[in-house]
Amino acid sequence: MSGFWTNILIVTHVLVALAIIGLVLLQHGKGADMGSGFGGGASSSLFGATGSANFLSRMTAVLATAFFLLSLALAYVATKKPVEGGGVMDAVRQQPAKPEEKKSEPESKPKPPAPQGKEVPQ
């Protein structure tokens, strides 16, 4: 997958995450009715069924599904091996080996002959 499509996935993922945050903050929570549940004339029951889902809760479910699918797609793209190199080590491996330069050793004293050792009887 090219870098362009990866960037599109990331931008879409961030936008969906922000939309989920916005929808969750806009929704009316159950905790808001708890104070009015004890004699305040609450329209819904305190711990009972909340009725059918409204537009905001359905859109939250759709965006949550899209968020999970985009997360899976990004995980797949991140673990997919590249077709051709592109890493630093690939560039190092492709460089030809440089021939070693022979260093000229300065003239030094000739090495003394190796000492003649005594033969060890067996």
PDB file of N, CA and C in Angstrom:
ATOM      1  N   MET A   1       0.855  -1.161   0.000  1.00  0.00           N
ATOM      2  CA  MET A   1       0.000   0.000   0.000  1.00  0.00           C
ATOM      3  C   MET A   1       0.905   1.228   0.000  1.00  0.00           C
ATOM      4  N   SER A   2       0.573   2.132  -0.825  1.00  0.00           N
ATOM      5  CA  SER A   2       1.427   3.313  -0.944  1.00  0.00           C
ATOM      6  C   SER A   2       1.246   4.246   0.252  1.00  0.00           C
ATOM      7  N   GLY A   3       2.171   5.164   0.375  1.00  0.00           N
ATOM      8  CA  GLY A   3       2.140   6.110   1.483  1.00  0.00           C
ATOM      9  C   GLY A   3       0.926   7.020   1.434  1.00  0.00           C
ATOM     10  N   PHE A   4       0.441   7.301   0.213  1.00  0.00           N
ATOM     11  CA  PHE A   4      -0.733   8.166   0.070  1.00  0.00           C
ATOM     12  C   PHE A   4      -1.948   7.549   0.746  1.00  0.00           C
ATOM     13  N   TRP A   5      -2.194   6.271   0.485  1.00  0.00           N
ATOM     14  CA  TRP A   5      -3.374   5.619   1.052  1.00  0.00           C
ATOM     15  C   TRP A   5      -3.224   5.400   2.557  1.00  0.00           C
ATOM     16  N   THR A   6      -1.999   5.209   3.003  1.00  0.00           N
ATOM     17  CA  THR A   6      -1.779   5.104   4.437  1.00  0.00           C
ATOM     18  C   THR A   6      -2.119   6.424   5.122  1.00  0.00           C
ATOM     19  N   ASN A   7      -1.725   7.522   4.513  1.00  0.00           N
ATOM     20  CA  ASN A   7      -2.058   8.842   5.070  1.00  0.00           C
ATOM     21  C   ASN A   7      -3.559   9.078   5.074  1.00  0.00           C
ATOM     22  N   ILE A   8      -4.244   8.635   4.032  1.00  0.00           N
ATOM     23  CA  ILE A   8      -5.711   8.759   3.983  1.00  0.00           C
ATOM     24  C   ILE A   8      -6.349   7.970   5.123  1.00  0.00           C
ATOM     25  N   LEU A   9      -5.852   6.763   5.374  1.00  0.00           N
ATOM     26  CA  LEU A   9      -6.383   5.949   6.475  1.00  0.00           C
ATOM     27  C   LEU A   9      -6.168   6.640   7.824  1.00  0.00           C
ATOM     28  N   ILE A  10      -4.993   7.201   8.017  1.00  0.00           N
ATOM     29  CA  ILE A  10      -4.697   7.852   9.296  1.00  0.00           C
ATOM     30  C   ILE A  10      -5.575   9.080   9.505  1.00  0.00           C
ATOM     31  N   VAL A  11      -5.728   9.898   8.465  1.00  0.00           N
ATOM     32  CA  VAL A  11      -6.560  11.104   8.590  1.00  0.00           C
ATOM     33  C   VAL A  11      -8.014  10.718   8.848  1.00  0.00           C
ATOM     34  N   THR A  12      -8.507   9.700   8.149  1.00  0.00           N
ATOM     35  CA  THR A  12      -9.886   9.245   8.366  1.00  0.00           C
ATOM     36  C   THR A  12     -10.057   8.708   9.779  1.00  0.00           C
ATOM     37  N   HIS A  13      -9.068   7.986  10.253  1.00  0.00           N
ATOM     38  CA  HIS A  13      -9.121   7.419  11.603  1.00  0.00           C
ATOM     39  C   HIS A  13      -9.212   8.529  12.652  1.00  0.00           C
ATOM     40  N   VAL A  14      -8.423   9.577  12.486  1.00  0.00           N
ATOM     41  CA  VAL A  14      -8.454  10.694  13.440  1.00  0.00           C
ATOM     42  C   VAL A  14      -9.795  11.426  13.373  1.00  0.00           C
ATOM     43  N   LEU A  15     -10.312  11.637  12.166  1.00  0.00           N
ATOM     44  CA  LEU A  15     -11.600  12.324  12.036  1.00  0.00           C
ATOM     45  C   LEU A  15     -12.736  11.521  12.655  1.00  0.00           C
ATOM     46  N   VAL A  16     -12.712  10.209  12.467  1.00  0.00           N
ATOM     47  CA  VAL A  16     -13.749   9.360  13.074  1.00  0.00           C
ATOM     48  C   VAL A  16     -13.629   9.403  14.595  1.00  0.00           C
ATOM     49  N   ALA A  17     -12.399   9.388  15.110  1.00  0.00           N
ATOM     50  CA  ALA A  17     -12.213   9.459  16.566  1.00  0.00           C
ATOM     51  C   ALA A  17     -12.761  10.772  17.119  1.00  0.00           C
ATOM     52  N   LEU A  18     -12.486  11.874  16.442  1.00  0.00           N
ATOM     53  CA  LEU A  18     -13.007  13.168  16.895  1.00  0.00           C
ATOM     54  C   LEU A  18     -14.534  13.216  16.813  1.00  0.00           C
ATOM     55  N   ALA A  19     -15.104  12.607  15.773  1.00  0.00           N
ATOM     56  CA  ALA A  19     -16.565  12.580  15.648  1.00  0.00           C
ATOM     57  C   ALA A  19     -17.197  11.752  16.769  1.00  0.00           C
ATOM     58  N   ILE A  20     -16.556  10.653  17.141  1.00  0.00           N
ATOM     59  CA  ILE A  20     -17.073   9.841  18.253  1.00  0.00           C
ATOM     60  C   ILE A  20     -17.038  10.650  19.550  1.00  0.00           C
ATOM     61  N   ILE A  21     -15.948  11.349  19.766  1.00  0.00           N
ATOM     62  CA  ILE A  21     -15.845  12.176  20.975  1.00  0.00           C
ATOM     63  C   ILE A  21     -16.957  13.217  21.006  1.00  0.00           C
ATOM     64  N   GLY A  22     -17.186  13.872  19.879  1.00  0.00           N
ATOM     65  CA  GLY A  22     -18.238  14.881  19.811  1.00  0.00           C
ATOM     66  C   GLY A  22     -19.623  14.300  20.047  1.00  0.00           C
ATOM     67  N   LEU A  23     -19.914  13.151  19.449  1.00  0.00           N
ATOM     68  CA  LEU A  23     -21.234  12.538  19.626  1.00  0.00           C
ATOM     69  C   LEU A  23     -21.459  12.076  21.057  1.00  0.00           C
ATOM     70  N   VAL A  24     -20.428  11.539  21.678  1.00  0.00           N
ATOM     71  CA  VAL A  24     -20.590  11.081  23.060  1.00  0.00           C
ATOM     72  C   VAL A  24     -20.844  12.275  23.982  1.00  0.00           C
ATOM     73  N   LEU A  25     -20.154  13.382  23.722  1.00  0.00           N
ATOM     74  CA  LEU A  25     -20.372  14.563  24.563  1.00  0.00           C
ATOM     75  C   LEU A  25     -21.743  15.190  24.341  1.00  0.00           C
ATOM     76  N   LEU A  26     -22.311  15.031  23.162  1.00  0.00           N
ATOM     77  CA  LEU A  26     -23.626  15.603  22.881  1.00  0.00           C
ATOM     78  C   LEU A  26     -24.779  14.786  23.467  1.00  0.00           C
ATOM     79  N   GLN A  27     -24.550  13.508  23.725  1.00  0.00           N
ATOM     80  CA  GLN A  27     -25.641  12.646  24.159  1.00  0.00           C
ATOM     81  C   GLN A  27     -26.056  12.956  25.586  1.00  0.00           C
ATOM     82  N   HIS A  28     -27.308  12.683  25.835  1.00  0.00           N
ATOM     83  CA  HIS A  28     -27.912  12.894  27.143  1.00  0.00           C
ATOM     84  C   HIS A  28     -27.648  11.641  27.968  1.00  0.00           C
ATOM     85  N   GLY A  29     -26.945  11.784  29.066  1.00  0.00           N
ATOM     86  CA  GLY A  29     -26.587  10.626  29.881  1.00  0.00           C
ATOM     87  C   GLY A  29     -27.682  10.218  30.834  1.00  0.00           C
ATOM     88  N   LYS A  30     -27.566   8.972  31.327  1.00  0.00           N
ATOM     89  CA  LYS A  30     -28.536   8.481  32.306  1.00  0.00           C
ATOM     90  C   LYS A  30     -28.376   9.197  33.635  1.00  0.00           C
ATOM     91  N   GLY A  31     -27.177   9.591  33.963  1.00  0.00           N
ATOM     92  CA  GLY A  31     -26.907  10.234  35.245  1.00  0.00           C
ATOM     93  C   GLY A  31     -27.598  11.578  35.393  1.00  0.00           C
ATOM     94  N   ALA A  32     -27.959  12.218  34.296  1.00  0.00           N
ATOM     95  CA  ALA A  32     -28.619  13.518  34.377  1.00  0.00           C
ATOM     96  C   ALA A  32     -30.035  13.399  34.927  1.00  0.00           C
ATOM     97  N   ASP A  33     -30.669  12.264  34.740  1.00  0.00           N
ATOM     98  CA  ASP A  33     -32.034  12.066  35.221  1.00  0.00           C
ATOM     99  C   ASP A  33     -32.100  11.510  36.637  1.00  0.00           C
ATOM    100  N   MET A  34     -30.992  11.112  37.194  1.00  0.00           N
ATOM    101  CA  MET A  34     -31.037  10.486  38.520  1.00  0.00           C
ATOM    102  C   MET A  34     -31.493  11.474  39.594  1.00  0.00           C
ATOM    103  N   GLY A  35     -31.077  12.703  39.520  1.00  0.00           N
ATOM    104  CA  GLY A  35     -31.479  13.686  40.525  1.00  0.00           C
ATOM    105  C   GLY A  35     -32.955  14.012  40.444  1.00  0.00           C
ATOM    106  N   SER A  36     -33.491  14.040  39.246  1.00  0.00           N
ATOM    107  CA  SER A  36     -34.896  14.363  39.101  1.00  0.00           C
ATOM    108  C   SER A  36     -35.782  13.128  39.214  1.00  0.00           C
ATOM    109  N   GLY A  37     -35.160  11.969  39.380  1.00  0.00           N
ATOM    110  CA  GLY A  37     -35.927  10.723  39.472  1.00  0.00           C
ATOM    111  C   GLY A  37     -36.670  10.586  40.778  1.00  0.00           C
ATOM    112  N   PHE A  38     -36.271  11.322  41.789  1.00  0.00           N
ATOM    113  CA  PHE A  38     -36.909  11.191  43.098  1.00  0.00           C
ATOM    114  C   PHE A  38     -37.854  12.361  43.338  1.00  0.00           C
ATOM    115  N   GLY A  39     -38.865  12.465  42.520  1.00  0.00           N
ATOM    116  CA  GLY A  39     -39.884  13.478  42.741  1.00  0.00           C
ATOM    117  C   GLY A  39     -39.759  14.674  41.821  1.00  0.00           C
ATOM    118  N   GLY A  40     -38.871  14.650  40.865  1.00  0.00           N
ATOM    119  CA  GLY A  40     -38.714  15.772  39.967  1.00  0.00           C
ATOM    120  C   GLY A  40     -39.518  15.634  38.697  1.00  0.00           C
ATOM    121  N   GLY A  41     -40.299  14.573  38.570  1.00  0.00           N
ATOM    122  CA  GLY A  41     -41.106  14.378  37.370  1.00  0.00           C
ATOM    123  C   GLY A  41     -40.273  13.943  36.174  1.00  0.00           C
ATOM    124  N   ALA A  42     -39.452  12.936  36.373  1.00  0.00           N
ATOM    125  CA  ALA A  42     -38.580  12.457  35.286  1.00  0.00           C
ATOM    126  C   ALA A  42     -39.407  11.752  34.230  1.00  0.00           C
ATOM    127  N   SER A  43     -39.029  11.961  32.997  1.00  0.00           N
ATOM    128  CA  SER A  43     -39.776  11.345  31.905  1.00  0.00           C
ATOM    129  C   SER A  43     -39.362   9.903  31.681  1.00  0.00           C
ATOM    130  N   SER A  44     -38.163   9.536  32.097  1.00  0.00           N
ATOM    131  CA  SER A  44     -37.738   8.142  31.928  1.00  0.00           C
ATOM    132  C   SER A  44     -37.526   7.526  33.295  1.00  0.00           C
ATOM    133  N   SER A  45     -37.581   6.209  33.348  1.00  0.00           N
ATOM    134  CA  SER A  45     -37.404   5.546  34.629  1.00  0.00           C
ATOM    135  C   SER A  45     -35.940   5.612  35.051  1.00  0.00           C
ATOM    136  N   LEU A  46     -35.696   5.424  36.324  1.00  0.00           N
ATOM    137  CA  LEU A  46     -34.362   5.635  36.867  1.00  0.00           C
ATOM    138  C   LEU A  46     -33.373   4.586  36.366  1.00  0.00           C
ATOM    139  N   PHE A  47     -33.675   3.318  36.503  1.00  0.00           N
ATOM    140  CA  PHE A  47     -32.764   2.268  36.045  1.00  0.00           C
ATOM    141  C   PHE A  47     -33.414   1.352  35.017  1.00  0.00           C
ATOM    142  N   GLY A  48     -34.492   1.737  34.436  1.00  0.00           N
ATOM    143  CA  GLY A  48     -35.226   0.888  33.508  1.00  0.00           C
ATOM    144  C   GLY A  48     -34.748   1.049  32.073  1.00  0.00           C
ATOM    145  N   ALA A  49     -35.557   0.544  31.164  1.00  0.00           N
ATOM    146  CA  ALA A  49     -35.230   0.610  29.750  1.00  0.00           C
ATOM    147  C   ALA A  49     -35.303   2.058  29.269  1.00  0.00           C
ATOM    148  N   THR A  50     -34.428   2.375  28.349  1.00  0.00           N
ATOM    149  CA  THR A  50     -34.401   3.754  27.860  1.00  0.00           C
ATOM    150  C   THR A  50     -35.192   3.932  26.582  1.00  0.00           C
ATOM    151  N   GLY A  51     -35.802   2.887  26.091  1.00  0.00           N
ATOM    152  CA  GLY A  51     -36.596   3.011  24.872  1.00  0.00           C
ATOM    153  C   GLY A  51     -35.745   2.778  23.638  1.00  0.00           C
ATOM    154  N   SER A  52     -36.250   3.168  22.487  1.00  0.00           N
ATOM    155  CA  SER A  52     -35.527   2.946  21.247  1.00  0.00           C
ATOM    156  C   SER A  52     -34.329   3.890  21.149  1.00  0.00           C
ATOM    157  N   ALA A  53     -33.357   3.463  20.371  1.00  0.00           N
ATOM    158  CA  ALA A  53     -32.146   4.269  20.212  1.00  0.00           C
ATOM    159  C   ALA A  53     -32.446   5.466  19.317  1.00  0.00           C
ATOM    160  N   ASN A  54     -31.896   6.603  19.663  1.00  0.00           N
ATOM    161  CA  ASN A  54     -32.111   7.791  18.854  1.00  0.00           C
ATOM    162  C   ASN A  54     -30.974   7.936  17.829  1.00  0.00           C
ATOM    163  N   PHE A  55     -31.010   9.027  17.102  1.00  0.00           N
ATOM    164  CA  PHE A  55     -30.046   9.236  16.019  1.00  0.00           C
ATOM    165  C   PHE A  55     -28.606   9.292  16.528  1.00  0.00           C
ATOM    166  N   LEU A  56     -28.403   9.987  17.649  1.00  0.00           N
ATOM    167  CA  LEU A  56     -27.040  10.136  18.159  1.00  0.00           C
ATOM    168  C   LEU A  56     -26.436   8.809  18.586  1.00  0.00           C
ATOM    169  N   SER A  57     -27.211   7.958  19.245  1.00  0.00           N
ATOM    170  CA  SER A  57     -26.672   6.673  19.687  1.00  0.00           C
ATOM    171  C   SER A  57     -26.414   5.742  18.501  1.00  0.00           C
ATOM    172  N   ARG A  58     -27.261   5.818  17.480  1.00  0.00           N
ATOM    173  CA  ARG A  58     -27.023   4.991  16.278  1.00  0.00           C
ATOM    174  C   ARG A  58     -25.790   5.462  15.524  1.00  0.00           C
ATOM    175  N   MET A  59     -25.607   6.769  15.421  1.00  0.00           N
ATOM    176  CA  MET A  59     -24.412   7.290  14.738  1.00  0.00           C
ATOM    177  C   MET A  59     -23.142   6.954  15.525  1.00  0.00           C
ATOM    178  N   THR A  60     -23.242   6.940  16.846  1.00  0.00           N
ATOM    179  CA  THR A  60     -22.096   6.554  17.659  1.00  0.00           C
ATOM    180  C   THR A  60     -21.721   5.100  17.388  1.00  0.00           C
ATOM    181  N   ALA A  61     -22.716   4.238  17.268  1.00  0.00           N
ATOM    182  CA  ALA A  61     -22.449   2.823  16.988  1.00  0.00           C
ATOM    183  C   ALA A  61     -21.814   2.662  15.603  1.00  0.00           C
ATOM    184  N   VAL A  62     -22.305   3.407  14.610  1.00  0.00           N
ATOM    185  CA  VAL A  62     -21.749   3.322  13.250  1.00  0.00           C
ATOM    186  C   VAL A  62     -20.306   3.830  13.244  1.00  0.00           C
ATOM    187  N   LEU A  63     -20.064   4.944  13.902  1.00  0.00           N
ATOM    188  CA  LEU A  63     -18.701   5.478  13.944  1.00  0.00           C
ATOM    189  C   LEU A  63     -17.761   4.586  14.751  1.00  0.00           C
ATOM    190  N   ALA A  64     -18.257   3.948  15.794  1.00  0.00           N
ATOM    191  CA  ALA A  64     -17.424   3.022  16.563  1.00  0.00           C
ATOM    192  C   ALA A  64     -17.024   1.827  15.702  1.00  0.00           C
ATOM    193  N   THR A  65     -17.957   1.324  14.897  1.00  0.00           N
ATOM    194  CA  THR A  65     -17.642   0.230  13.987  1.00  0.00           C
ATOM    195  C   THR A  65     -16.601   0.666  12.958  1.00  0.00           C
ATOM    196  N   ALA A  66     -16.764   1.856  12.414  1.00  0.00           N
ATOM    197  CA  ALA A  66     -15.791   2.379  11.455  1.00  0.00           C
ATOM    198  C   ALA A  66     -14.426   2.558  12.120  1.00  0.00           C
ATOM    199  N   PHE A  67     -14.407   3.007  13.376  1.00  0.00           N
ATOM    200  CA  PHE A  67     -13.156   3.194  14.102  1.00  0.00           C
ATOM    201  C   PHE A  67     -12.428   1.862  14.279  1.00  0.00           C
ATOM    202  N   PHE A  68     -13.159   0.810  14.649  1.00  0.00           N
ATOM    203  CA  PHE A  68     -12.534  -0.501  14.829  1.00  0.00           C
ATOM    204  C   PHE A  68     -12.010  -1.052  13.504  1.00  0.00           C
ATOM    205  N   LEU A  69     -12.769  -0.876  12.427  1.00  0.00           N
ATOM    206  CA  LEU A  69     -12.316  -1.360  11.125  1.00  0.00           C
ATOM    207  C   LEU A  69     -11.078  -0.600  10.642  1.00  0.00           C
ATOM    208  N   LEU A  70     -11.065   0.705  10.867  1.00  0.00           N
ATOM    209  CA  LEU A  70      -9.887   1.486  10.487  1.00  0.00           C
ATOM    210  C   LEU A  70      -8.683   1.106  11.346  1.00  0.00           C
ATOM    211  N   SER A  71      -8.908   0.791  12.606  1.00  0.00           N
ATOM    212  CA  SER A  71      -7.809   0.349  13.466  1.00  0.00           C
ATOM    213  C   SER A  71      -7.212  -0.958  12.958  1.00  0.00           C
ATOM    214  N   LEU A  72      -8.069  -1.886  12.551  1.00  0.00           N
ATOM    215  CA  LEU A  72      -7.581  -3.155  11.988  1.00  0.00           C
ATOM    216  C   LEU A  72      -6.827  -2.929  10.681  1.00  0.00           C
ATOM    217  N   ALA A  73      -7.330  -2.037   9.843  1.00  0.00           N
ATOM    218  CA  ALA A  73      -6.663  -1.746   8.579  1.00  0.00           C
ATOM    219  C   ALA A  73      -5.295  -1.112   8.807  1.00  0.00           C
ATOM    220  N   LEU A  74      -5.209  -0.202   9.751  1.00  0.00           N
ATOM    221  CA  LEU A  74      -3.919   0.428  10.057  1.00  0.00           C
ATOM    222  C   LEU A  74      -2.943  -0.573  10.670  1.00  0.00           C
ATOM    223  N   ALA A  75      -3.427  -1.487  11.480  1.00  0.00           N
ATOM    224  CA  ALA A  75      -2.552  -2.517  12.038  1.00  0.00           C
ATOM    225  C   ALA A  75      -2.029  -3.432  10.935  1.00  0.00           C
ATOM    226  N   TYR A  76      -2.881  -3.761   9.970  1.00  0.00           N
ATOM    227  CA  TYR A  76      -2.444  -4.589   8.846  1.00  0.00           C
ATOM    228  C   TYR A  76      -1.394  -3.869   8.012  1.00  0.00           C
ATOM    229  N   VAL A  77      -1.615  -2.600   7.739  1.00  0.00           N
ATOM    230  CA  VAL A  77      -0.671  -1.822   6.929  1.00  0.00           C
ATOM    231  C   VAL A  77       0.665  -1.687   7.660  1.00  0.00           C
ATOM    232  N   ALA A  78       0.628  -1.515   8.974  1.00  0.00           N
ATOM    233  CA  ALA A  78       1.854  -1.318   9.744  1.00  0.00           C
ATOM    234  C   ALA A  78       2.703  -2.583   9.801  1.00  0.00           C
ATOM    235  N   THR A  79       2.071  -3.750   9.771  1.00  0.00           N
ATOM    236  CA  THR A  79       2.821  -5.001   9.873  1.00  0.00           C
ATOM    237  C   THR A  79       3.134  -5.615   8.524  1.00  0.00           C
ATOM    238  N   LYS A  80       2.621  -5.046   7.461  1.00  0.00           N
ATOM    239  CA  LYS A  80       2.876  -5.584   6.125  1.00  0.00           C
ATOM    240  C   LYS A  80       4.316  -5.298   5.731  1.00  0.00           C
ATOM    241  N   LYS A  81       5.004  -6.318   5.209  1.00  0.00           N
ATOM    242  CA  LYS A  81       6.404  -6.137   4.820  1.00  0.00           C
ATOM    243  C   LYS A  81       6.476  -5.344   3.529  1.00  0.00           C
ATOM    244  N   PRO A  82       7.425  -4.433   3.426  1.00  0.00           N
ATOM    245  CA  PRO A  82       7.545  -3.658   2.195  1.00  0.00           C
ATOM    246  C   PRO A  82       8.021  -4.535   1.046  1.00  0.00           C
ATOM    247  N   VAL A  83       7.556  -4.205  -0.160  1.00  0.00           N
ATOM    248  CA  VAL A  83       7.925  -4.988  -1.339  1.00  0.00           C
ATOM    249  C   VAL A  83       9.400  -4.798  -1.642  1.00  0.00           C
ATOM    250  N   GLU A  84       9.837  -3.580  -1.677  1.00  0.00           N
ATOM    251  CA  GLU A  84      11.245  -3.293  -1.886  1.00  0.00           C
ATOM    252  C   GLU A  84      11.772  -2.623  -0.645  1.00  0.00           C
ATOM    253  N   GLY A  85      13.095  -2.602  -0.537  1.00  0.00           N
ATOM    254  CA  GLY A  85      13.740  -2.018   0.628  1.00  0.00           C
ATOM    255  C   GLY A  85      13.281  -0.603   0.885  1.00  0.00           C
ATOM    256  N   GLY A  86      13.872   0.028   1.727  1.00  0.00           N
ATOM    257  CA  GLY A  86      13.478   1.359   2.117  1.00  0.00           C
ATOM    258  C   GLY A  86      13.995   1.639   3.502  1.00  0.00           C
ATOM    259  N   GLY A  87      14.471   0.568   4.133  1.00  0.00           N
ATOM    260  CA  GLY A  87      15.032   0.748   5.455  1.00  0.00           C
ATOM    261  C   GLY A  87      16.493   1.160   5.370  1.00  0.00           C
ATOM    262  N   VAL A  88      17.017   1.572   6.463  1.00  0.00           N
ATOM    263  CA  VAL A  88      18.405   2.008   6.513  1.00  0.00           C
ATOM    264  C   VAL A  88      19.336   0.832   6.272  1.00  0.00           C
ATOM    265  N   MET A  89      19.036  -0.295   6.864  1.00  0.00           N
ATOM    266  CA  MET A  89      19.928  -1.451   6.731  1.00  0.00           C
ATOM    267  C   MET A  89      19.921  -2.001   5.308  1.00  0.00           C
ATOM    268  N   ASP A  90      18.824  -1.858   4.588  1.00  0.00           N
ATOM    269  CA  ASP A  90      18.797  -2.315   3.192  1.00  0.00           C
ATOM    270  C   ASP A  90      19.763  -1.505   2.352  1.00  0.00           C
ATOM    271  N   ALA A  91      19.847  -0.224   2.607  1.00  0.00           N
ATOM    272  CA  ALA A  91      20.770   0.628   1.863  1.00  0.00           C
ATOM    273  C   ALA A  91      22.213   0.256   2.184  1.00  0.00           C
ATOM    274  N   VAL A  92      22.485  -0.110   3.425  1.00  0.00           N
ATOM    275  CA  VAL A  92      23.844  -0.490   3.811  1.00  0.00           C
ATOM    276  C   VAL A  92      24.226  -1.801   3.162  1.00  0.00           C
ATOM    277  N   ARG A  93      23.308  -2.750   3.109  1.00  0.00           N
ATOM    278  CA  ARG A  93      23.593  -4.058   2.508  1.00  0.00           C
ATOM    279  C   ARG A  93      23.838  -3.958   1.009  1.00  0.00           C
ATOM    280  N   GLN A  94      23.228  -2.995   0.355  1.00  0.00           N
ATOM    281  CA  GLN A  94      23.351  -2.891  -1.095  1.00  0.00           C
ATOM    282  C   GLN A  94      24.614  -2.172  -1.527  1.00  0.00           C
ATOM    283  N   GLN A  95      25.324  -1.519  -0.622  1.00  0.00           N
ATOM    284  CA  GLN A  95      26.549  -0.824  -0.993  1.00  0.00           C
ATOM    285  C   GLN A  95      27.643  -1.843  -1.263  1.00  0.00           C
ATOM    286  N   PRO A  96      28.449  -1.617  -2.317  1.00  0.00           N
ATOM    287  CA  PRO A  96      29.544  -2.558  -2.574  1.00  0.00           C
ATOM    288  C   PRO A  96      30.607  -2.434  -1.493  1.00  0.00           C
ATOM    289  N   ALA A  97      31.250  -3.542  -1.230  1.00  0.00           N
ATOM    290  CA  ALA A  97      32.287  -3.538  -0.204  1.00  0.00           C
ATOM    291  C   ALA A  97      33.495  -2.774  -0.713  1.00  0.00           C
ATOM    292  N   LYS A  98      34.057  -1.947   0.119  1.00  0.00           N
ATOM    293  CA  LYS A  98      35.226  -1.168  -0.259  1.00  0.00           C
ATOM    294  C   LYS A  98      36.463  -2.045  -0.076  1.00  0.00           C
ATOM    295  N   PRO A  99      37.373  -2.025  -1.034  1.00  0.00           N
ATOM    296  CA  PRO A  99      38.597  -2.818  -0.854  1.00  0.00           C
ATOM    297  C   PRO A  99      39.458  -2.202   0.250  1.00  0.00           C
ATOM    298  N   GLU A 100      40.111  -3.073   0.989  1.00  0.00           N
ATOM    299  CA  GLU A 100      40.944  -2.594   2.082  1.00  0.00           C
ATOM    300  C   GLU A 100      42.205  -1.965   1.519  1.00  0.00           C
ATOM    301  N   GLU A 101      42.569  -0.884   2.118  1.00  0.00           N
ATOM    302  CA  GLU A 101      43.795  -0.221   1.704  1.00  0.00           C
ATOM    303  C   GLU A 101      44.946  -0.820   2.499  1.00  0.00           C
ATOM    304  N   LYS A 102      46.011  -1.149   1.771  1.00  0.00           N
ATOM    305  CA  LYS A 102      47.175  -1.701   2.456  1.00  0.00           C
ATOM    306  C   LYS A 102      47.994  -0.563   3.008  1.00  0.00           C
ATOM    307  N   LYS A 103      48.254  -0.649   4.283  1.00  0.00           N
ATOM    308  CA  LYS A 103      49.050   0.376   4.924  1.00  0.00           C
ATOM    309  C   LYS A 103      50.517  -0.006   4.782  1.00  0.00           C
ATOM    310  N   SER A 104      51.303   0.934   4.374  1.00  0.00           N
ATOM    311  CA  SER A 104      52.737   0.652   4.273  1.00  0.00           C
ATOM    312  C   SER A 104      53.342   0.746   5.660  1.00  0.00           C
ATOM    313  N   GLU A 105      53.929  -0.354   6.068  1.00  0.00           N
ATOM    314  CA  GLU A 105      54.524  -0.401   7.392  1.00  0.00           C
ATOM    315  C   GLU A 105      55.905   0.228   7.322  1.00  0.00           C
ATOM    316  N   PRO A 106      56.224   1.019   8.284  1.00  0.00           N
ATOM    317  CA  PRO A 106      57.575   1.604   8.283  1.00  0.00           C
ATOM    318  C   PRO A 106      58.626   0.512   8.489  1.00  0.00           C
ATOM    319  N   GLU A 107      59.779   0.783   7.941  1.00  0.00           N
ATOM    320  CA  GLU A 107      60.865  -0.179   8.095  1.00  0.00           C
ATOM    321  C   GLU A 107      61.166  -0.334   9.566  1.00  0.00           C
ATOM    322  N   SER A 108      61.195  -1.556  10.000  1.00  0.00           N
ATOM    323  CA  SER A 108      61.470  -1.823  11.402  1.00  0.00           C
ATOM    324  C   SER A 108      62.598  -2.843  11.506  1.00  0.00           C
ATOM    325  N   LYS A 109      62.978  -3.120  12.680  1.00  0.00           N
ATOM    326  CA  LYS A 109      64.036  -4.091  12.906  1.00  0.00           C
ATOM    327  C   LYS A 109      63.574  -5.452  12.429  1.00  0.00           C
ATOM    328  N   PRO A 110      64.461  -6.212  11.891  1.00  0.00           N
ATOM    329  CA  PRO A 110      64.072  -7.571  11.502  1.00  0.00           C
ATOM    330  C   PRO A 110      63.741  -8.385  12.746  1.00  0.00           C
ATOM    331  N   LYS A 111      62.769  -9.234  12.579  1.00  0.00           N
ATOM    332  CA  LYS A 111      62.341 -10.051  13.711  1.00  0.00           C
ATOM    333  C   LYS A 111      63.394 -11.123  13.985  1.00  0.00           C
ATOM    334  N   PRO A 112      63.660 -11.368  15.263  1.00  0.00           N
ATOM    335  CA  PRO A 112      64.629 -12.436  15.558  1.00  0.00           C
ATOM    336  C   PRO A 112      64.016 -13.789  15.236  1.00  0.00           C
ATOM    337  N   PRO A 113      64.864 -14.745  14.915  1.00  0.00           N
ATOM    338  CA  PRO A 113      64.317 -16.065  14.598  1.00  0.00           C
ATOM    339  C   PRO A 113      63.644 -16.674  15.832  1.00  0.00           C
ATOM    340  N   ALA A 114      62.690 -17.527  15.569  1.00  0.00           N
ATOM    341  CA  ALA A 114      61.965 -18.167  16.649  1.00  0.00           C
ATOM    342  C   ALA A 114      62.925 -19.032  17.437  1.00  0.00           C
ATOM    343  N   PRO A 115      62.820 -19.043  18.764  1.00  0.00           N
ATOM    344  CA  PRO A 115      63.759 -19.843  19.554  1.00  0.00           C
ATOM    345  C   PRO A 115      63.563 -21.328  19.296  1.00  0.00           C
ATOM    346  N   GLN A 116      64.700 -22.009  19.257  1.00  0.00           N
ATOM    347  CA  GLN A 116      64.656 -23.448  19.067  1.00  0.00           C
ATOM    348  C   GLN A 116      64.416 -24.093  20.429  1.00  0.00           C
ATOM    349  N   GLY A 117      63.306 -24.708  20.587  1.00  0.00           N
ATOM    350  CA  GLY A 117      62.981 -25.315  21.861  1.00  0.00           C
ATOM    351  C   GLY A 117      63.512 -26.733  21.946  1.00  0.00           C
ATOM    352  N   LYS A 118      63.624 -27.211  23.131  1.00  0.00           N
ATOM    353  CA  LYS A 118      64.050 -28.593  23.341  1.00  0.00           C
ATOM    354  C   LYS A 118      62.892 -29.477  23.000  1.00  0.00           C
ATOM    355  N   GLU A 119      63.240 -30.586  22.419  1.00  0.00           N
ATOM    356  CA  GLU A 119      62.195 -31.531  22.098  1.00  0.00           C
ATOM    357  C   GLU A 119      61.784 -32.261  23.365  1.00  0.00           C
ATOM    358  N   VAL A 120      60.517 -32.453  23.526  1.00  0.00           N
ATOM    359  CA  VAL A 120      59.999 -33.128  24.710  1.00  0.00           C
ATOM    360  C   VAL A 120      59.908 -34.610  24.404  1.00  0.00           C
ATOM    361  N   PRO A 121      60.563 -35.435  25.201  1.00  0.00           N
ATOM    362  CA  PRO A 121      60.463 -36.887  24.917  1.00  0.00           C
ATOM    363  C   PRO A 121      59.038 -37.369  25.223  1.00  0.00           C
ATOM    364  N   GLN A 122      58.713 -38.360  24.447  1.00  0.00           N
ATOM    365  CA  GLN A 122      57.350 -38.902  24.618  1.00  0.00           C
ATOM    366  C   GLN A 122      57.347 -40.155  25.391  1.00  0.00           C
TER     367      GLN A 122
END
